Every structure is written in structure tokens, then in C-alpha cells.
Amino acid sequence: MASLATAEKKRRPDQRAAFWPTLVVLLGAVYCLLPVVWLVTATTKKSGELFTTFSLWPSFTGGFTDNLAKLASIRGGAFWTWCLNSLIFAGGGALLATAVSALAGYGLAKYQFRGKQLIFNFLLVGVLIPGVILAVPQYLLLSKVGIAGTYWSVLLPSIISPFSIYLCRIYATAVVPDEMLEAGRLDGAGEWRIFRSIALYPMIPGLITAFLLQFVGIWNNFLLPFIMLADSEKFPLTVGFYSLMNQGNDQVNIYNVVITGCLVSVIPLLALFLFLQRYWRLDLVSGALKG
């Protein structure tokens, strides 16, 4: 009996050993969520309340509605134009990048051709290079072509994403069986039809991941549109808020407007994540049924 009790005690998890990792995780969560809480509560405060006291408690003096009204009317409604531009850049760029990544990743995963390993090595190098390093060379190149300052000057550099191509290549290797592709070829299907009818559906969760990463990256991108665009009518939200801060350094109220705009600009990202998460659930369910 004593030996059984000793063995049972050894099998029980040590609660004290789990305390410190849990504490570290909780501190990390507080560190990450504290700016978000401050952002939400700061939008409810007026300019005097924002700078006189620091408090995470929201204000109920009508500051949120005033800030929203000022945000909607600033520069004749420029905020909504910036929102539309951000949707064009992020949505269009993410869709094009996902389509290119799906085709390139599938080709690298399922076809054998000369120079394939060399292309993949260059792809890995592209993953390691930060995008900010390429912003100035891209501007010089696109200005030579004559499209700098247009929507395409922001969209075109966003189409090629080395990380998304790498992700799609890894995902296509894992979820698209070669036997199914060979069966499609034996049935007389062309390569495009094989990709569209056989390979594309299993790759959907990976494509959604690539789309979300690209959408968030382009939505939050500042340097590329800041370099490429000079017309405020084409600014995305990031550059628009920067221009407000530059022109409103002596205006205290502008900080409330920018903070409120930052909170509103997060809503599309949250909505997109909530809308697309069901496709990940569908993949888990389908995988369980197949198992």
C-alpha cells in the first residue's frame, strides 16, 4: 500500500512547479492587454480629462460621442476616405497575394523542374529580409515606370509575399496527396482543373491564414504608402493619422480624435477574424470525419 501511495503521489502534478509558469503567462497577458484597455477608456474622455489624469476607468461625460463626431467631420470626412483606401489596399493586396501564393506554393510543392531548389532558397532569403528595406528601392523602380503616387504603387509591392508562398508550399505538401493528382491526370483532367477541383479545397485553411496575415500586414503598413503617396485623398488610415498628428501638434483635441480613430480602425480586423474563423473549424471537423 505504501508503494502504491508513493507512486500515486509521483504521478500527481506538482502544483507549486506550475505556479511560476502560470504567473509569467498572466503577467504577459496583462502587459499585452493594458494598452488595449487604455485605448478603449481613452476614447471616452475629453481632451482635458485625457491629459490631466491617468486612469483606466472610462469617463461618462459624453467624450466618446464627441470624439466620434469630430472624427467623422475632420477634414470634411477624410477619415471615411482613408478607411476606404485601407480596405482597397488591404483587401485587394491580400486577395492578389493569396492567389499568387496559392499558385506558386502549389507549383513548388507538386512539380519538379530545373532550378526549383534555387527558387526555394531565394524564397527563404526573401522571408528573412524585412519589407521596410525594400520600400525605397520599390519607390525608385515604380517612379521610373510612372505609377508612383497611384493605388498600384501600394498594391503591386504587396502582391508578392515570400512568407505566404512558403506557407502555401508547406501546406500544399502536407494536405494534397500526389495520388489524387495522378488520378486526376489519368482521368484526362488538365493541370488547371486539377488545381481548381482537387488541390484548392484542402488548401483553404492555409490560404485563409495567408490572407489574414497579408491583410493585417497591409492594413498596419505605414512606410510603403507614406513613401509612395503624396495625395491625402489616397492615404490609408496609418498615413492619415500621421498627417493629423503632424498638423495638429498644437491642438490638444487632435489626440482624442486620433485615439478614437485607432480604436475604430481595429474593428474591421476583429470582424474579419471572427468571420473567417469558421473555416478553421470546418477544417478541424472535416479532418476528424476523414480520420
C-alpha atoms as a PDB file:
ATOM      1  CA  MET A   1       0.000   0.000   0.000  1.00  0.00           C
ATOM      2  CA  ALA A   2       2.826   2.380   0.822  1.00  0.00           C
ATOM      3  CA  SER A   3       4.442   1.799  -2.569  1.00  0.00           C
ATOM      4  CA  LEU A   4       1.134   2.432  -4.334  1.00  0.00           C
ATOM      5  CA  ALA A   5       0.641   5.677  -2.419  1.00  0.00           C
ATOM      6  CA  THR A   6       4.175   6.790  -3.303  1.00  0.00           C
ATOM      7  CA  ALA A   7       3.638   6.017  -6.986  1.00  0.00           C
ATOM      8  CA  GLU A   8       0.323   7.889  -6.988  1.00  0.00           C
ATOM      9  CA  LYS A   9       1.982  10.889  -5.374  1.00  0.00           C
ATOM     10  CA  LYS A  10       4.677  10.913  -8.033  1.00  0.00           C
ATOM     11  CA  ARG A  11       2.061  10.843 -10.780  1.00  0.00           C
ATOM     12  CA  ARG A  12       0.243  13.883  -9.389  1.00  0.00           C
ATOM     13  CA  PRO A  13       1.321  17.206 -10.944  1.00  0.00           C
ATOM     14  CA  ASP A  14       3.338  19.452  -8.688  1.00  0.00           C
ATOM     15  CA  GLN A  15       1.112  22.466  -8.105  1.00  0.00           C
ATOM     16  CA  ARG A  16       3.987  24.559  -6.879  1.00  0.00           C
ATOM     17  CA  ALA A  17       6.022  23.864 -10.015  1.00  0.00           C
ATOM     18  CA  ALA A  18       3.131  25.066 -12.193  1.00  0.00           C
ATOM     19  CA  PHE A  19       2.709  28.322 -10.238  1.00  0.00           C
ATOM     20  CA  TRP A  20       5.622  30.260 -11.728  1.00  0.00           C
ATOM     21  CA  PRO A  21       4.927  29.495 -15.415  1.00  0.00           C
ATOM     22  CA  THR A  22       1.279  30.441 -14.857  1.00  0.00           C
ATOM     23  CA  LEU A  23       2.328  33.675 -13.167  1.00  0.00           C
ATOM     24  CA  VAL A  24       4.620  34.560 -16.076  1.00  0.00           C
ATOM     25  CA  VAL A  25       1.806  33.935 -18.581  1.00  0.00           C
ATOM     26  CA  LEU A  26      -0.586  36.094 -16.573  1.00  0.00           C
ATOM     27  CA  LEU A  27       1.934  38.932 -16.357  1.00  0.00           C
ATOM     28  CA  GLY A  28       2.493  38.706 -20.107  1.00  0.00           C
ATOM     29  CA  ALA A  29      -1.251  38.846 -20.721  1.00  0.00           C
ATOM     30  CA  VAL A  30      -1.591  41.922 -18.508  1.00  0.00           C
ATOM     31  CA  TYR A  31       1.337  43.570 -20.296  1.00  0.00           C
ATOM     32  CA  CYS A  32      -0.294  42.963 -23.702  1.00  0.00           C
ATOM     33  CA  LEU A  33      -3.844  43.892 -22.689  1.00  0.00           C
ATOM     34  CA  LEU A  34      -3.046  47.032 -20.697  1.00  0.00           C
ATOM     35  CA  PRO A  35      -2.526  49.251 -23.796  1.00  0.00           C
ATOM     36  CA  VAL A  36      -5.773  47.904 -25.270  1.00  0.00           C
ATOM     37  CA  VAL A  37      -7.696  48.760 -22.097  1.00  0.00           C
ATOM     38  CA  TRP A  38      -6.160  52.232 -22.068  1.00  0.00           C
ATOM     39  CA  LEU A  39      -7.089  52.734 -25.734  1.00  0.00           C
ATOM     40  CA  VAL A  40     -10.718  51.829 -25.069  1.00  0.00           C
ATOM     41  CA  THR A  41     -11.037  54.024 -21.992  1.00  0.00           C
ATOM     42  CA  ALA A  42      -9.147  56.944 -23.557  1.00  0.00           C
ATOM     43  CA  THR A  43     -11.746  57.254 -26.308  1.00  0.00           C
ATOM     44  CA  THR A  44     -14.389  58.018 -23.676  1.00  0.00           C
ATOM     45  CA  LYS A  45     -12.510  61.035 -22.326  1.00  0.00           C
ATOM     46  CA  LYS A  46     -12.423  64.647 -23.405  1.00  0.00           C
ATOM     47  CA  SER A  47      -9.173  66.451 -24.096  1.00  0.00           C
ATOM     48  CA  GLY A  48      -8.925  67.898 -20.587  1.00  0.00           C
ATOM     49  CA  GLU A  49      -9.547  64.543 -18.937  1.00  0.00           C
ATOM     50  CA  LEU A  50      -7.064  62.757 -21.185  1.00  0.00           C
ATOM     51  CA  PHE A  51      -4.056  64.828 -20.178  1.00  0.00           C
ATOM     52  CA  THR A  52      -4.838  65.815 -16.613  1.00  0.00           C
ATOM     53  CA  THR A  53      -5.304  62.360 -15.099  1.00  0.00           C
ATOM     54  CA  PHE A  54      -4.198  58.840 -15.942  1.00  0.00           C
ATOM     55  CA  SER A  55      -6.938  56.361 -15.248  1.00  0.00           C
ATOM     56  CA  LEU A  56      -8.087  53.114 -16.796  1.00  0.00           C
ATOM     57  CA  TRP A  57     -11.629  53.846 -15.734  1.00  0.00           C
ATOM     58  CA  PRO A  58     -13.882  55.151 -18.554  1.00  0.00           C
ATOM     59  CA  SER A  59     -15.445  58.569 -18.450  1.00  0.00           C
ATOM     60  CA  PHE A  60     -19.210  59.073 -18.709  1.00  0.00           C
ATOM     61  CA  THR A  61     -19.209  62.769 -19.632  1.00  0.00           C
ATOM     62  CA  GLY A  62     -20.056  62.209 -23.303  1.00  0.00           C
ATOM     63  CA  GLY A  63     -16.485  62.268 -24.528  1.00  0.00           C
ATOM     64  CA  PHE A  64     -16.872  59.190 -26.723  1.00  0.00           C
ATOM     65  CA  THR A  65     -19.743  60.607 -28.777  1.00  0.00           C
ATOM     66  CA  ASP A  66     -17.940  63.947 -29.109  1.00  0.00           C
ATOM     67  CA  ASN A  67     -14.778  62.239 -30.298  1.00  0.00           C
ATOM     68  CA  LEU A  68     -16.719  60.183 -32.839  1.00  0.00           C
ATOM     69  CA  ALA A  69     -18.435  63.319 -34.171  1.00  0.00           C
ATOM     70  CA  LYS A  70     -15.108  65.126 -34.519  1.00  0.00           C
ATOM     71  CA  LEU A  71     -13.554  62.082 -36.175  1.00  0.00           C
ATOM     72  CA  ALA A  72     -16.363  61.860 -38.742  1.00  0.00           C
ATOM     73  CA  SER A  73     -16.215  65.573 -39.583  1.00  0.00           C
ATOM     74  CA  ILE A  74     -12.475  66.182 -39.606  1.00  0.00           C
ATOM     75  CA  ARG A  75     -11.209  67.487 -42.953  1.00  0.00           C
ATOM     76  CA  GLY A  76     -14.641  67.112 -44.455  1.00  0.00           C
ATOM     77  CA  GLY A  77     -14.961  63.388 -43.734  1.00  0.00           C
ATOM     78  CA  ALA A  78     -11.416  62.391 -44.702  1.00  0.00           C
ATOM     79  CA  PHE A  79     -11.494  59.560 -42.156  1.00  0.00           C
ATOM     80  CA  TRP A  80     -14.015  57.578 -44.207  1.00  0.00           C
ATOM     81  CA  THR A  81     -11.919  58.097 -47.338  1.00  0.00           C
ATOM     82  CA  TRP A  82      -8.898  56.756 -45.502  1.00  0.00           C
ATOM     83  CA  CYS A  83     -10.954  53.754 -44.343  1.00  0.00           C
ATOM     84  CA  LEU A  84     -11.969  53.017 -47.928  1.00  0.00           C
ATOM     85  CA  ASN A  85      -8.378  53.330 -49.103  1.00  0.00           C
ATOM     86  CA  SER A  86      -7.199  50.956 -46.382  1.00  0.00           C
ATOM     87  CA  LEU A  87      -9.844  48.430 -47.428  1.00  0.00           C
ATOM     88  CA  ILE A  88      -8.741  48.723 -51.054  1.00  0.00           C
ATOM     89  CA  PHE A  89      -5.069  48.309 -50.213  1.00  0.00           C
ATOM     90  CA  ALA A  90      -5.511  45.558 -47.609  1.00  0.00           C
ATOM     91  CA  GLY A  91      -8.375  43.675 -49.256  1.00  0.00           C
ATOM     92  CA  GLY A  92      -7.097  43.903 -52.822  1.00  0.00           C
ATOM     93  CA  GLY A  93      -3.482  43.292 -51.881  1.00  0.00           C
ATOM     94  CA  ALA A  94      -4.347  40.335 -49.662  1.00  0.00           C
ATOM     95  CA  LEU A  95      -6.545  38.720 -52.320  1.00  0.00           C
ATOM     96  CA  LEU A  96      -3.942  39.112 -55.054  1.00  0.00           C
ATOM     97  CA  ALA A  97      -1.137  37.950 -52.763  1.00  0.00           C
ATOM     98  CA  THR A  98      -3.141  34.894 -51.685  1.00  0.00           C
ATOM     99  CA  ALA A  99      -3.892  33.952 -55.297  1.00  0.00           C
ATOM    100  CA  VAL A 100      -0.235  34.294 -56.306  1.00  0.00           C
ATOM    101  CA  SER A 101       0.913  32.437 -53.186  1.00  0.00           C
ATOM    102  CA  ALA A 102      -1.521  29.580 -53.809  1.00  0.00           C
ATOM    103  CA  LEU A 103      -0.311  29.053 -57.372  1.00  0.00           C
ATOM    104  CA  ALA A 104       3.369  29.494 -56.556  1.00  0.00           C
ATOM    105  CA  GLY A 105       3.231  27.352 -53.416  1.00  0.00           C
ATOM    106  CA  TYR A 106       1.351  24.577 -55.189  1.00  0.00           C
ATOM    107  CA  GLY A 107       3.816  24.638 -58.086  1.00  0.00           C
ATOM    108  CA  LEU A 108       6.820  24.464 -55.785  1.00  0.00           C
ATOM    109  CA  ALA A 109       5.245  21.625 -53.819  1.00  0.00           C
ATOM    110  CA  LYS A 110       3.934  19.371 -56.587  1.00  0.00           C
ATOM    111  CA  TYR A 111       6.034  19.956 -59.708  1.00  0.00           C
ATOM    112  CA  GLN A 112       9.611  19.025 -60.473  1.00  0.00           C
ATOM    113  CA  PHE A 113      11.556  21.429 -62.691  1.00  0.00           C
ATOM    114  CA  ARG A 114      15.067  22.712 -63.129  1.00  0.00           C
ATOM    115  CA  GLY A 115      16.052  25.390 -60.650  1.00  0.00           C
ATOM    116  CA  LYS A 116      13.297  24.536 -58.177  1.00  0.00           C
ATOM    117  CA  GLN A 117      15.639  24.330 -55.183  1.00  0.00           C
ATOM    118  CA  LEU A 118      17.351  27.577 -56.186  1.00  0.00           C
ATOM    119  CA  ILE A 119      13.995  29.356 -56.354  1.00  0.00           C
ATOM    120  CA  PHE A 120      13.049  27.970 -52.963  1.00  0.00           C
ATOM    121  CA  ASN A 121      16.341  29.171 -51.479  1.00  0.00           C
ATOM    122  CA  PHE A 122      15.732  32.667 -52.825  1.00  0.00           C
ATOM    123  CA  LEU A 123      12.253  32.461 -51.327  1.00  0.00           C
ATOM    124  CA  LEU A 124      13.708  31.726 -47.910  1.00  0.00           C
ATOM    125  CA  VAL A 125      16.056  34.681 -48.271  1.00  0.00           C
ATOM    126  CA  GLY A 126      13.049  36.861 -49.099  1.00  0.00           C
ATOM    127  CA  VAL A 127      11.334  35.701 -45.911  1.00  0.00           C
ATOM    128  CA  LEU A 128      14.320  36.896 -43.878  1.00  0.00           C
ATOM    129  CA  ILE A 129      14.510  40.352 -45.499  1.00  0.00           C
ATOM    130  CA  PRO A 130      12.338  42.977 -43.737  1.00  0.00           C
ATOM    131  CA  GLY A 131       9.885  44.736 -46.005  1.00  0.00           C
ATOM    132  CA  VAL A 132      10.980  48.196 -44.865  1.00  0.00           C
ATOM    133  CA  ILE A 133      14.365  47.676 -46.526  1.00  0.00           C
ATOM    134  CA  LEU A 134      12.673  47.330 -49.928  1.00  0.00           C
ATOM    135  CA  ALA A 135      10.394  50.375 -49.641  1.00  0.00           C
ATOM    136  CA  VAL A 136      12.824  52.943 -51.076  1.00  0.00           C
ATOM    137  CA  PRO A 137      14.056  50.724 -53.964  1.00  0.00           C
ATOM    138  CA  GLN A 138      10.447  49.934 -54.812  1.00  0.00           C
ATOM    139  CA  TYR A 139       9.617  53.641 -54.897  1.00  0.00           C
ATOM    140  CA  LEU A 140      12.551  54.363 -57.226  1.00  0.00           C
ATOM    141  CA  LEU A 141      11.536  51.493 -59.508  1.00  0.00           C
ATOM    142  CA  LEU A 142       7.846  52.418 -59.649  1.00  0.00           C
ATOM    143  CA  SER A 143       8.634  56.105 -60.147  1.00  0.00           C
ATOM    144  CA  LYS A 144      10.669  55.123 -63.221  1.00  0.00           C
ATOM    145  CA  VAL A 145       7.663  53.235 -64.528  1.00  0.00           C
ATOM    146  CA  GLY A 146       5.452  56.239 -63.800  1.00  0.00           C
ATOM    147  CA  ILE A 147       2.953  54.771 -61.363  1.00  0.00           C
ATOM    148  CA  ALA A 148       4.334  56.189 -58.113  1.00  0.00           C
ATOM    149  CA  GLY A 149       1.589  58.057 -56.282  1.00  0.00           C
ATOM    150  CA  THR A 150      -1.193  55.804 -57.591  1.00  0.00           C
ATOM    151  CA  TYR A 151      -3.067  52.986 -55.903  1.00  0.00           C
ATOM    152  CA  TRP A 152      -0.985  50.471 -57.853  1.00  0.00           C
ATOM    153  CA  SER A 153       2.203  51.759 -56.235  1.00  0.00           C
ATOM    154  CA  VAL A 154       0.940  50.305 -52.938  1.00  0.00           C
ATOM    155  CA  LEU A 155      -0.867  47.273 -54.356  1.00  0.00           C
ATOM    156  CA  LEU A 156       1.874  45.907 -56.613  1.00  0.00           C
ATOM    157  CA  PRO A 157       4.572  45.504 -53.920  1.00  0.00           C
ATOM    158  CA  SER A 158       2.002  43.715 -51.756  1.00  0.00           C
ATOM    159  CA  ILE A 159       1.231  41.027 -54.315  1.00  0.00           C
ATOM    160  CA  ILE A 160       4.433  39.041 -53.790  1.00  0.00           C
ATOM    161  CA  SER A 161       4.743  37.737 -50.239  1.00  0.00           C
ATOM    162  CA  PRO A 162       7.641  35.283 -49.739  1.00  0.00           C
ATOM    163  CA  PHE A 163       6.283  34.095 -46.410  1.00  0.00           C
ATOM    164  CA  SER A 164       2.809  33.428 -47.857  1.00  0.00           C
ATOM    165  CA  ILE A 165       4.326  31.484 -50.753  1.00  0.00           C
ATOM    166  CA  TYR A 166       6.419  29.480 -48.297  1.00  0.00           C
ATOM    167  CA  LEU A 167       3.337  28.818 -46.148  1.00  0.00           C
ATOM    168  CA  CYS A 168       1.282  27.661 -49.132  1.00  0.00           C
ATOM    169  CA  ARG A 169       4.116  25.443 -50.318  1.00  0.00           C
ATOM    170  CA  ILE A 170       4.358  23.734 -46.930  1.00  0.00           C
ATOM    171  CA  TYR A 171       0.583  23.410 -46.680  1.00  0.00           C
ATOM    172  CA  ALA A 172       0.180  22.010 -50.203  1.00  0.00           C
ATOM    173  CA  THR A 173       2.868  19.410 -49.494  1.00  0.00           C
ATOM    174  CA  ALA A 174       1.038  18.309 -46.364  1.00  0.00           C
ATOM    175  CA  VAL A 175      -2.615  18.209 -47.443  1.00  0.00           C
ATOM    176  CA  VAL A 176      -2.632  17.490 -51.199  1.00  0.00           C
ATOM    177  CA  PRO A 177      -1.862  13.780 -51.874  1.00  0.00           C
ATOM    178  CA  ASP A 178       0.108  13.032 -55.022  1.00  0.00           C
ATOM    179  CA  GLU A 179      -2.142  10.013 -55.640  1.00  0.00           C
ATOM    180  CA  MET A 180      -5.174  12.260 -56.113  1.00  0.00           C
ATOM    181  CA  LEU A 181      -3.304  14.396 -58.629  1.00  0.00           C
ATOM    182  CA  GLU A 182      -2.213  11.326 -60.565  1.00  0.00           C
ATOM    183  CA  ALA A 183      -5.782  10.010 -60.544  1.00  0.00           C
ATOM    184  CA  GLY A 184      -6.977  13.291 -61.994  1.00  0.00           C
ATOM    185  CA  ARG A 185      -4.372  13.141 -64.753  1.00  0.00           C
ATOM    186  CA  LEU A 186      -5.377   9.560 -65.577  1.00  0.00           C
ATOM    187  CA  ASP A 187      -8.970  10.736 -65.919  1.00  0.00           C
ATOM    188  CA  GLY A 188      -7.845  13.285 -68.503  1.00  0.00           C
ATOM    189  CA  ALA A 189      -8.124  16.433 -66.402  1.00  0.00           C
ATOM    190  CA  GLY A 190      -5.850  19.342 -67.205  1.00  0.00           C
ATOM    191  CA  GLU A 191      -3.443  20.832 -64.708  1.00  0.00           C
ATOM    192  CA  TRP A 192      -5.580  23.900 -64.093  1.00  0.00           C
ATOM    193  CA  ARG A 193      -8.667  21.780 -63.457  1.00  0.00           C
ATOM    194  CA  ILE A 194      -6.681  19.506 -61.131  1.00  0.00           C
ATOM    195  CA  PHE A 195      -5.558  22.508 -59.123  1.00  0.00           C
ATOM    196  CA  ARG A 196      -9.011  24.063 -59.043  1.00  0.00           C
ATOM    197  CA  SER A 197     -11.016  20.889 -58.352  1.00  0.00           C
ATOM    198  CA  ILE A 198      -8.641  18.735 -56.302  1.00  0.00           C
ATOM    199  CA  ALA A 199      -5.878  20.779 -54.688  1.00  0.00           C
ATOM    200  CA  LEU A 200      -7.592  24.079 -53.916  1.00  0.00           C
ATOM    201  CA  TYR A 201     -10.195  22.894 -51.404  1.00  0.00           C
ATOM    202  CA  PRO A 202      -7.785  21.139 -48.985  1.00  0.00           C
ATOM    203  CA  MET A 203      -5.587  24.243 -49.105  1.00  0.00           C
ATOM    204  CA  ILE A 204      -8.356  26.620 -47.994  1.00  0.00           C
ATOM    205  CA  PRO A 205      -7.333  26.849 -44.301  1.00  0.00           C
ATOM    206  CA  GLY A 206      -3.759  27.629 -45.310  1.00  0.00           C
ATOM    207  CA  LEU A 207      -4.942  30.198 -47.859  1.00  0.00           C
ATOM    208  CA  ILE A 208      -7.118  31.871 -45.239  1.00  0.00           C
ATOM    209  CA  THR A 209      -4.125  32.079 -42.921  1.00  0.00           C
ATOM    210  CA  ALA A 210      -2.059  33.670 -45.685  1.00  0.00           C
ATOM    211  CA  PHE A 211      -4.908  36.077 -46.475  1.00  0.00           C
ATOM    212  CA  LEU A 212      -5.271  37.153 -42.845  1.00  0.00           C
ATOM    213  CA  LEU A 213      -1.547  37.688 -42.395  1.00  0.00           C
ATOM    214  CA  GLN A 214      -1.364  39.758 -45.553  1.00  0.00           C
ATOM    215  CA  PHE A 215      -4.492  41.735 -44.722  1.00  0.00           C
ATOM    216  CA  VAL A 216      -3.253  42.646 -41.242  1.00  0.00           C
ATOM    217  CA  GLY A 217       0.234  43.433 -42.537  1.00  0.00           C
ATOM    218  CA  ILE A 218      -1.019  45.746 -45.285  1.00  0.00           C
ATOM    219  CA  TRP A 219      -3.656  47.327 -43.017  1.00  0.00           C
ATOM    220  CA  ASN A 220      -0.984  48.250 -40.476  1.00  0.00           C
ATOM    221  CA  ASN A 221       1.665  49.167 -43.049  1.00  0.00           C
ATOM    222  CA  PHE A 222       2.879  52.736 -42.781  1.00  0.00           C
ATOM    223  CA  LEU A 223       6.213  53.171 -44.526  1.00  0.00           C
ATOM    224  CA  LEU A 224       5.282  51.965 -48.030  1.00  0.00           C
ATOM    225  CA  PRO A 225       2.175  54.177 -48.522  1.00  0.00           C
ATOM    226  CA  PHE A 226       3.950  57.043 -46.750  1.00  0.00           C
ATOM    227  CA  ILE A 227       6.747  56.906 -49.338  1.00  0.00           C
ATOM    228  CA  MET A 228       4.579  56.158 -52.355  1.00  0.00           C
ATOM    229  CA  LEU A 229       1.630  58.529 -51.872  1.00  0.00           C
ATOM    230  CA  ALA A 230       1.541  62.301 -51.811  1.00  0.00           C
ATOM    231  CA  ASP A 231      -2.192  62.912 -52.287  1.00  0.00           C
ATOM    232  CA  SER A 232      -4.116  62.879 -48.996  1.00  0.00           C
ATOM    233  CA  GLU A 233      -7.155  61.524 -50.863  1.00  0.00           C
ATOM    234  CA  LYS A 234      -5.243  58.269 -51.384  1.00  0.00           C
ATOM    235  CA  PHE A 235      -3.893  57.949 -47.833  1.00  0.00           C
ATOM    236  CA  PRO A 236      -4.706  54.829 -45.804  1.00  0.00           C
ATOM    237  CA  LEU A 237      -5.546  55.144 -42.124  1.00  0.00           C
ATOM    238  CA  THR A 238      -1.968  54.858 -40.902  1.00  0.00           C
ATOM    239  CA  VAL A 239      -0.655  57.717 -43.027  1.00  0.00           C
ATOM    240  CA  GLY A 240      -3.829  59.744 -42.477  1.00  0.00           C
ATOM    241  CA  PHE A 241      -3.444  59.608 -38.701  1.00  0.00           C
ATOM    242  CA  TYR A 242       0.222  60.540 -39.043  1.00  0.00           C
ATOM    243  CA  SER A 243      -0.696  63.595 -41.108  1.00  0.00           C
ATOM    244  CA  LEU A 244      -3.238  64.614 -38.473  1.00  0.00           C
ATOM    245  CA  MET A 245      -0.649  64.355 -35.729  1.00  0.00           C
ATOM    246  CA  ASN A 246       1.860  66.413 -37.708  1.00  0.00           C
ATOM    247  CA  GLN A 247      -0.572  69.203 -38.475  1.00  0.00           C
ATOM    248  CA  GLY A 248      -2.160  69.164 -35.040  1.00  0.00           C
ATOM    249  CA  ASN A 249       0.781  69.279 -32.671  1.00  0.00           C
ATOM    250  CA  ASP A 250      -0.561  72.475 -31.154  1.00  0.00           C
ATOM    251  CA  GLN A 251      -4.141  71.193 -30.979  1.00  0.00           C
ATOM    252  CA  VAL A 252      -4.896  69.160 -27.882  1.00  0.00           C
ATOM    253  CA  ASN A 253      -8.197  67.859 -29.246  1.00  0.00           C
ATOM    254  CA  ILE A 254      -6.474  66.113 -32.141  1.00  0.00           C
ATOM    255  CA  TYR A 255      -5.115  63.420 -29.839  1.00  0.00           C
ATOM    256  CA  ASN A 256      -8.614  62.382 -28.811  1.00  0.00           C
ATOM    257  CA  VAL A 257      -9.619  62.170 -32.453  1.00  0.00           C
ATOM    258  CA  VAL A 258      -6.606  60.064 -33.420  1.00  0.00           C
ATOM    259  CA  ILE A 259      -7.072  57.720 -30.446  1.00  0.00           C
ATOM    260  CA  THR A 260     -10.733  57.243 -31.324  1.00  0.00           C
ATOM    261  CA  GLY A 261      -9.796  56.606 -34.941  1.00  0.00           C
ATOM    262  CA  CYS A 262      -7.277  53.967 -33.881  1.00  0.00           C
ATOM    263  CA  LEU A 263      -9.973  52.156 -31.910  1.00  0.00           C
ATOM    264  CA  VAL A 264     -12.434  52.295 -34.816  1.00  0.00           C
ATOM    265  CA  SER A 265      -9.757  51.050 -37.234  1.00  0.00           C
ATOM    266  CA  VAL A 266      -9.333  47.866 -35.179  1.00  0.00           C
ATOM    267  CA  ILE A 267     -12.982  46.869 -35.655  1.00  0.00           C
ATOM    268  CA  PRO A 268     -12.592  45.608 -39.276  1.00  0.00           C
ATOM    269  CA  LEU A 269      -9.701  43.372 -38.215  1.00  0.00           C
ATOM    270  CA  LEU A 270     -11.724  41.860 -35.379  1.00  0.00           C
ATOM    271  CA  ALA A 271     -14.726  41.359 -37.671  1.00  0.00           C
ATOM    272  CA  LEU A 272     -12.546  39.653 -40.271  1.00  0.00           C
ATOM    273  CA  PHE A 273     -11.052  37.258 -37.729  1.00  0.00           C
ATOM    274  CA  LEU A 274     -14.476  36.397 -36.326  1.00  0.00           C
ATOM    275  CA  PHE A 275     -15.909  35.834 -39.804  1.00  0.00           C
ATOM    276  CA  LEU A 276     -13.092  33.635 -41.116  1.00  0.00           C
ATOM    277  CA  GLN A 277     -12.520  31.519 -38.019  1.00  0.00           C
ATOM    278  CA  ARG A 278     -15.370  29.188 -39.003  1.00  0.00           C
ATOM    279  CA  TYR A 279     -13.274  27.914 -41.926  1.00  0.00           C
ATOM    280  CA  TRP A 280     -10.646  26.706 -39.489  1.00  0.00           C
ATOM    281  CA  ARG A 281     -13.403  24.955 -37.554  1.00  0.00           C
ATOM    282  CA  LEU A 282     -14.635  23.390 -40.789  1.00  0.00           C
ATOM    283  CA  ASP A 283     -11.157  22.059 -41.460  1.00  0.00           C
ATOM    284  CA  LEU A 284     -10.949  20.509 -37.993  1.00  0.00           C
ATOM    285  CA  VAL A 285     -14.356  18.858 -38.381  1.00  0.00           C
ATOM    286  CA  SER A 286     -13.591  17.532 -41.849  1.00  0.00           C
ATOM    287  CA  GLY A 287     -10.253  16.169 -40.630  1.00  0.00           C
ATOM    288  CA  ALA A 288     -11.998  14.372 -37.766  1.00  0.00           C
ATOM    289  CA  LEU A 289     -14.583  12.862 -40.128  1.00  0.00           C
ATOM    290  CA  LYS A 290     -11.904  11.662 -42.509  1.00  0.00           C
ATOM    291  CA  GLY A 291      -9.976  10.118 -39.609  1.00  0.00           C
END
